[in-house]
PDB file of N, CA and C in Angstrom:
ATOM      1  N   MET A   1       0.851  -1.171   0.000  1.00  0.00           N
ATOM      2  CA  MET A   1       0.000   0.000   0.000  1.00  0.00           C
ATOM      3  C   MET A   1       0.897   1.235   0.000  1.00  0.00           C
ATOM      4  N   LYS A   2       0.573   2.167  -0.848  1.00  0.00           N
ATOM      5  CA  LYS A   2       1.344   3.406  -0.926  1.00  0.00           C
ATOM      6  C   LYS A   2       0.592   4.500  -0.161  1.00  0.00           C
ATOM      7  N   LEU A   3       1.280   5.147   0.771  1.00  0.00           N
ATOM      8  CA  LEU A   3       0.676   6.205   1.586  1.00  0.00           C
ATOM      9  C   LEU A   3       1.221   7.563   1.169  1.00  0.00           C
ATOM     10  N   ALA A   4       0.455   8.587   1.431  1.00  0.00           N
ATOM     11  CA  ALA A   4       0.875   9.950   1.105  1.00  0.00           C
ATOM     12  C   ALA A   4       2.127  10.332   1.892  1.00  0.00           C
ATOM     13  N   LYS A   5       3.021  11.034   1.259  1.00  0.00           N
ATOM     14  CA  LYS A   5       4.293  11.450   1.871  1.00  0.00           C
ATOM     15  C   LYS A   5       4.060  12.297   3.125  1.00  0.00           C
ATOM     16  N   ASN A   6       3.024  13.142   3.127  1.00  0.00           N
ATOM     17  CA  ASN A   6       2.803  14.037   4.270  1.00  0.00           C
ATOM     18  C   ASN A   6       2.361  13.295   5.539  1.00  0.00           C
ATOM     19  N   LEU A   7       2.020  12.014   5.447  1.00  0.00           N
ATOM     20  CA  LEU A   7       1.684  11.245   6.644  1.00  0.00           C
ATOM     21  C   LEU A   7       2.899  11.096   7.562  1.00  0.00           C
ATOM     22  N   GLU A   8       4.093  11.238   7.009  1.00  0.00           N
ATOM     23  CA  GLU A   8       5.303  11.174   7.819  1.00  0.00           C
ATOM     24  C   GLU A   8       5.385  12.338   8.807  1.00  0.00           C
ATOM     25  N   ASN A   9       4.649  13.404   8.561  1.00  0.00           N
ATOM     26  CA  ASN A   9       4.672  14.586   9.424  1.00  0.00           C
ATOM     27  C   ASN A   9       3.792  14.443  10.663  1.00  0.00           C
ATOM     28  N   LEU A  10       2.954  13.421  10.683  1.00  0.00           N
ATOM     29  CA  LEU A  10       2.069  13.231  11.833  1.00  0.00           C
ATOM     30  C   LEU A  10       2.879  12.819  13.062  1.00  0.00           C
ATOM     31  N   GLY A  11       2.551  13.392  14.188  1.00  0.00           N
ATOM     32  CA  GLY A  11       3.209  13.031  15.444  1.00  0.00           C
ATOM     33  C   GLY A  11       2.441  11.934  16.158  1.00  0.00           C
ATOM     34  N   THR A  12       2.847  11.668  17.377  1.00  0.00           N
ATOM     35  CA  THR A  12       2.155  10.663  18.171  1.00  0.00           C
ATOM     36  C   THR A  12       0.995  11.300  18.925  1.00  0.00           C
ATOM     37  N   GLU A  13       0.092  10.491  19.425  1.00  0.00           N
ATOM     38  CA  GLU A  13      -1.054  10.960  20.198  1.00  0.00           C
ATOM     39  C   GLU A  13      -0.562  11.572  21.503  1.00  0.00           C
ATOM     40  N   THR A  14      -0.963  12.807  21.789  1.00  0.00           N
ATOM     41  CA  THR A  14      -0.497  13.491  22.997  1.00  0.00           C
ATOM     42  C   THR A  14      -1.558  13.584  24.086  1.00  0.00           C
ATOM     43  N   ALA A  15      -2.785  13.170  23.788  1.00  0.00           N
ATOM     44  CA  ALA A  15      -3.864  13.311  24.769  1.00  0.00           C
ATOM     45  C   ALA A  15      -3.544  12.576  26.065  1.00  0.00           C
ATOM     46  N   PHE A  16      -2.932  11.409  25.966  1.00  0.00           N
ATOM     47  CA  PHE A  16      -2.640  10.639  27.175  1.00  0.00           C
ATOM     48  C   PHE A  16      -1.532  11.284  27.998  1.00  0.00           C
ATOM     49  N   SER A  17      -0.553  11.906  27.353  1.00  0.00           N
ATOM     50  CA  SER A  17       0.502  12.578  28.120  1.00  0.00           C
ATOM     51  C   SER A  17      -0.044  13.842  28.783  1.00  0.00           C
ATOM     52  N   VAL A  18      -0.957  14.523  28.118  1.00  0.00           N
ATOM     53  CA  VAL A  18      -1.594  15.706  28.722  1.00  0.00           C
ATOM     54  C   VAL A  18      -2.429  15.281  29.923  1.00  0.00           C
ATOM     55  N   LEU A  19      -3.165  14.184  29.798  1.00  0.00           N
ATOM     56  CA  LEU A  19      -3.969  13.677  30.907  1.00  0.00           C
ATOM     57  C   LEU A  19      -3.078  13.301  32.091  1.00  0.00           C
ATOM     58  N   ALA A  20      -1.945  12.666  31.832  1.00  0.00           N
ATOM     59  CA  ALA A  20      -1.022  12.285  32.906  1.00  0.00           C
ATOM     60  C   ALA A  20      -0.502  13.520  33.631  1.00  0.00           C
ATOM     61  N   GLU A  21      -0.169  14.561  32.892  1.00  0.00           N
ATOM     62  CA  GLU A  21       0.319  15.807  33.506  1.00  0.00           C
ATOM     63  C   GLU A  21      -0.790  16.464  34.329  1.00  0.00           C
ATOM     64  N   ALA A  22      -2.023  16.465  33.820  1.00  0.00           N
ATOM     65  CA  ALA A  22      -3.150  17.041  34.563  1.00  0.00           C
ATOM     66  C   ALA A  22      -3.386  16.277  35.856  1.00  0.00           C
ATOM     67  N   LYS A  23      -3.266  14.956  35.812  1.00  0.00           N
ATOM     68  CA  LYS A  23      -3.459  14.156  37.025  1.00  0.00           C
ATOM     69  C   LYS A  23      -2.364  14.434  38.051  1.00  0.00           C
ATOM     70  N   LYS A  24      -1.137  14.681  37.598  1.00  0.00           N
ATOM     71  CA  LYS A  24      -0.047  15.058  38.518  1.00  0.00           C
ATOM     72  C   LYS A  24      -0.370  16.378  39.212  1.00  0.00           C
ATOM     73  N   LEU A  25      -0.808  17.362  38.424  1.00  0.00           N
ATOM     74  CA  LEU A  25      -1.158  18.661  39.001  1.00  0.00           C
ATOM     75  C   LEU A  25      -2.329  18.536  39.968  1.00  0.00           C
ATOM     76  N   GLU A  26      -3.294  17.705  39.622  1.00  0.00           N
ATOM     77  CA  GLU A  26      -4.444  17.483  40.484  1.00  0.00           C
ATOM     78  C   GLU A  26      -4.013  16.839  41.803  1.00  0.00           C
ATOM     79  N   ALA A  27      -3.071  15.905  41.740  1.00  0.00           N
ATOM     80  CA  ALA A  27      -2.566  15.238  42.937  1.00  0.00           C
ATOM     81  C   ALA A  27      -1.837  16.220  43.854  1.00  0.00           C
ATOM     82  N   GLN A  28      -1.342  17.318  43.282  1.00  0.00           N
ATOM     83  CA  GLN A  28      -0.670  18.349  44.068  1.00  0.00           C
ATOM     84  C   GLN A  28      -1.657  19.350  44.663  1.00  0.00           C
ATOM     85  N   GLY A  29      -2.955  19.116  44.455  1.00  0.00           N
ATOM     86  CA  GLY A  29      -3.974  19.968  45.059  1.00  0.00           C
ATOM     87  C   GLY A  29      -4.584  20.987  44.119  1.00  0.00           C
ATOM     88  N   ASN A  30      -4.212  20.961  42.850  1.00  0.00           N
ATOM     89  CA  ASN A  30      -4.788  21.894  41.882  1.00  0.00           C
ATOM     90  C   ASN A  30      -6.122  21.343  41.388  1.00  0.00           C
ATOM     91  N   PRO A  31      -7.215  22.119  41.503  1.00  0.00           N
ATOM     92  CA  PRO A  31      -8.503  21.621  41.033  1.00  0.00           C
ATOM     93  C   PRO A  31      -8.511  21.485  39.507  1.00  0.00           C
ATOM     94  N   MET A  32      -9.108  20.420  39.014  1.00  0.00           N
ATOM     95  CA  MET A  32      -9.140  20.150  37.575  1.00  0.00           C
ATOM     96  C   MET A  32     -10.534  19.757  37.135  1.00  0.00           C
ATOM     97  N   ILE A  33     -10.897  20.154  35.945  1.00  0.00           N
ATOM     98  CA  ILE A  33     -12.063  19.630  35.249  1.00  0.00           C
ATOM     99  C   ILE A  33     -11.500  18.932  34.028  1.00  0.00           C
ATOM    100  N   HIS A  34     -11.601  17.622  33.990  1.00  0.00           N
ATOM    101  CA  HIS A  34     -11.028  16.842  32.896  1.00  0.00           C
ATOM    102  C   HIS A  34     -11.966  16.886  31.693  1.00  0.00           C
ATOM    103  N   MET A  35     -11.483  17.432  30.596  1.00  0.00           N
ATOM    104  CA  MET A  35     -12.298  17.541  29.390  1.00  0.00           C
ATOM    105  C   MET A  35     -11.604  16.896  28.192  1.00  0.00           C
ATOM    106  N   GLY A  36     -10.499  16.218  28.417  1.00  0.00           N
ATOM    107  CA  GLY A  36      -9.733  15.691  27.299  1.00  0.00           C
ATOM    108  C   GLY A  36     -10.148  14.325  26.822  1.00  0.00           C
ATOM    109  N   LEU A  37     -10.377  13.390  27.721  1.00  0.00           N
ATOM    110  CA  LEU A  37     -10.662  12.013  27.339  1.00  0.00           C
ATOM    111  C   LEU A  37     -11.893  11.516  28.073  1.00  0.00           C
ATOM    112  N   GLY A  38     -12.705  10.749  27.387  1.00  0.00           N
ATOM    113  CA  GLY A  38     -13.845  10.130  28.042  1.00  0.00           C
ATOM    114  C   GLY A  38     -14.981  11.089  28.313  1.00  0.00           C
ATOM    115  N   GLN A  39     -15.793  10.735  29.278  1.00  0.00           N
ATOM    116  CA  GLN A  39     -16.959  11.529  29.641  1.00  0.00           C
ATOM    117  C   GLN A  39     -16.567  12.619  30.636  1.00  0.00           C
ATOM    118  N   PRO A  40     -17.273  13.766  30.638  1.00  0.00           N
ATOM    119  CA  PRO A  40     -16.977  14.814  31.623  1.00  0.00           C
ATOM    120  C   PRO A  40     -17.283  14.327  33.038  1.00  0.00           C
ATOM    121  N   ASP A  41     -16.567  14.865  34.008  1.00  0.00           N
ATOM    122  CA  ASP A  41     -16.787  14.468  35.399  1.00  0.00           C
ATOM    123  C   ASP A  41     -17.692  15.460  36.128  1.00  0.00           C
ATOM    124  N   PHE A  42     -18.586  16.107  35.365  1.00  0.00           N
ATOM    125  CA  PHE A  42     -19.545  17.052  35.929  1.00  0.00           C
ATOM    126  C   PHE A  42     -20.822  16.996  35.085  1.00  0.00           C
ATOM    127  N   LYS A  43     -21.910  17.476  35.665  1.00  0.00           N
ATOM    128  CA  LYS A  43     -23.185  17.502  34.940  1.00  0.00           C
ATOM    129  C   LYS A  43     -23.094  18.522  33.804  1.00  0.00           C
ATOM    130  N   THR A  44     -23.520  18.135  32.631  1.00  0.00           N
ATOM    131  CA  THR A  44     -23.512  19.054  31.495  1.00  0.00           C
ATOM    132  C   THR A  44     -24.902  19.663  31.319  1.00  0.00           C
ATOM    133  N   PRO A  45     -24.973  20.881  30.787  1.00  0.00           N
ATOM    134  CA  PRO A  45     -26.284  21.519  30.614  1.00  0.00           C
ATOM    135  C   PRO A  45     -27.108  20.798  29.550  1.00  0.00           C
ATOM    136  N   LYS A  46     -28.426  20.854  29.718  1.00  0.00           N
ATOM    137  CA  LYS A  46     -29.317  20.280  28.719  1.00  0.00           C
ATOM    138  C   LYS A  46     -29.241  21.149  27.456  1.00  0.00           C
ATOM    139  N   THR A  47     -29.338  20.498  26.292  1.00  0.00           N
ATOM    140  CA  THR A  47     -29.298  21.234  25.035  1.00  0.00           C
ATOM    141  C   THR A  47     -30.707  21.600  24.603  1.00  0.00           C
ATOM    142  N   ARG A  48     -30.813  22.676  23.871  1.00  0.00           N
ATOM    143  CA  ARG A  48     -32.110  23.107  23.332  1.00  0.00           C
ATOM    144  C   ARG A  48     -32.299  22.470  21.974  1.00  0.00           C
ATOM    145  N   SER A  49     -33.529  22.127  21.659  1.00  0.00           N
ATOM    146  CA  SER A  49     -33.836  21.541  20.334  1.00  0.00           C
ATOM    147  C   SER A  49     -34.219  22.599  19.351  1.00  0.00           C
TER     148      SER A  49
END
């Protein structure tokens, strides 16, 4: 399979490293609202139709 040359410019997934850093800061007592991966850890507002 031949892939486009510009695919070589793609980096690795950084969401997990950002989450790890946020969890470190949270463990140090910094309040966090996690919005990067998975479901939010707070109630979300109802949407209007």
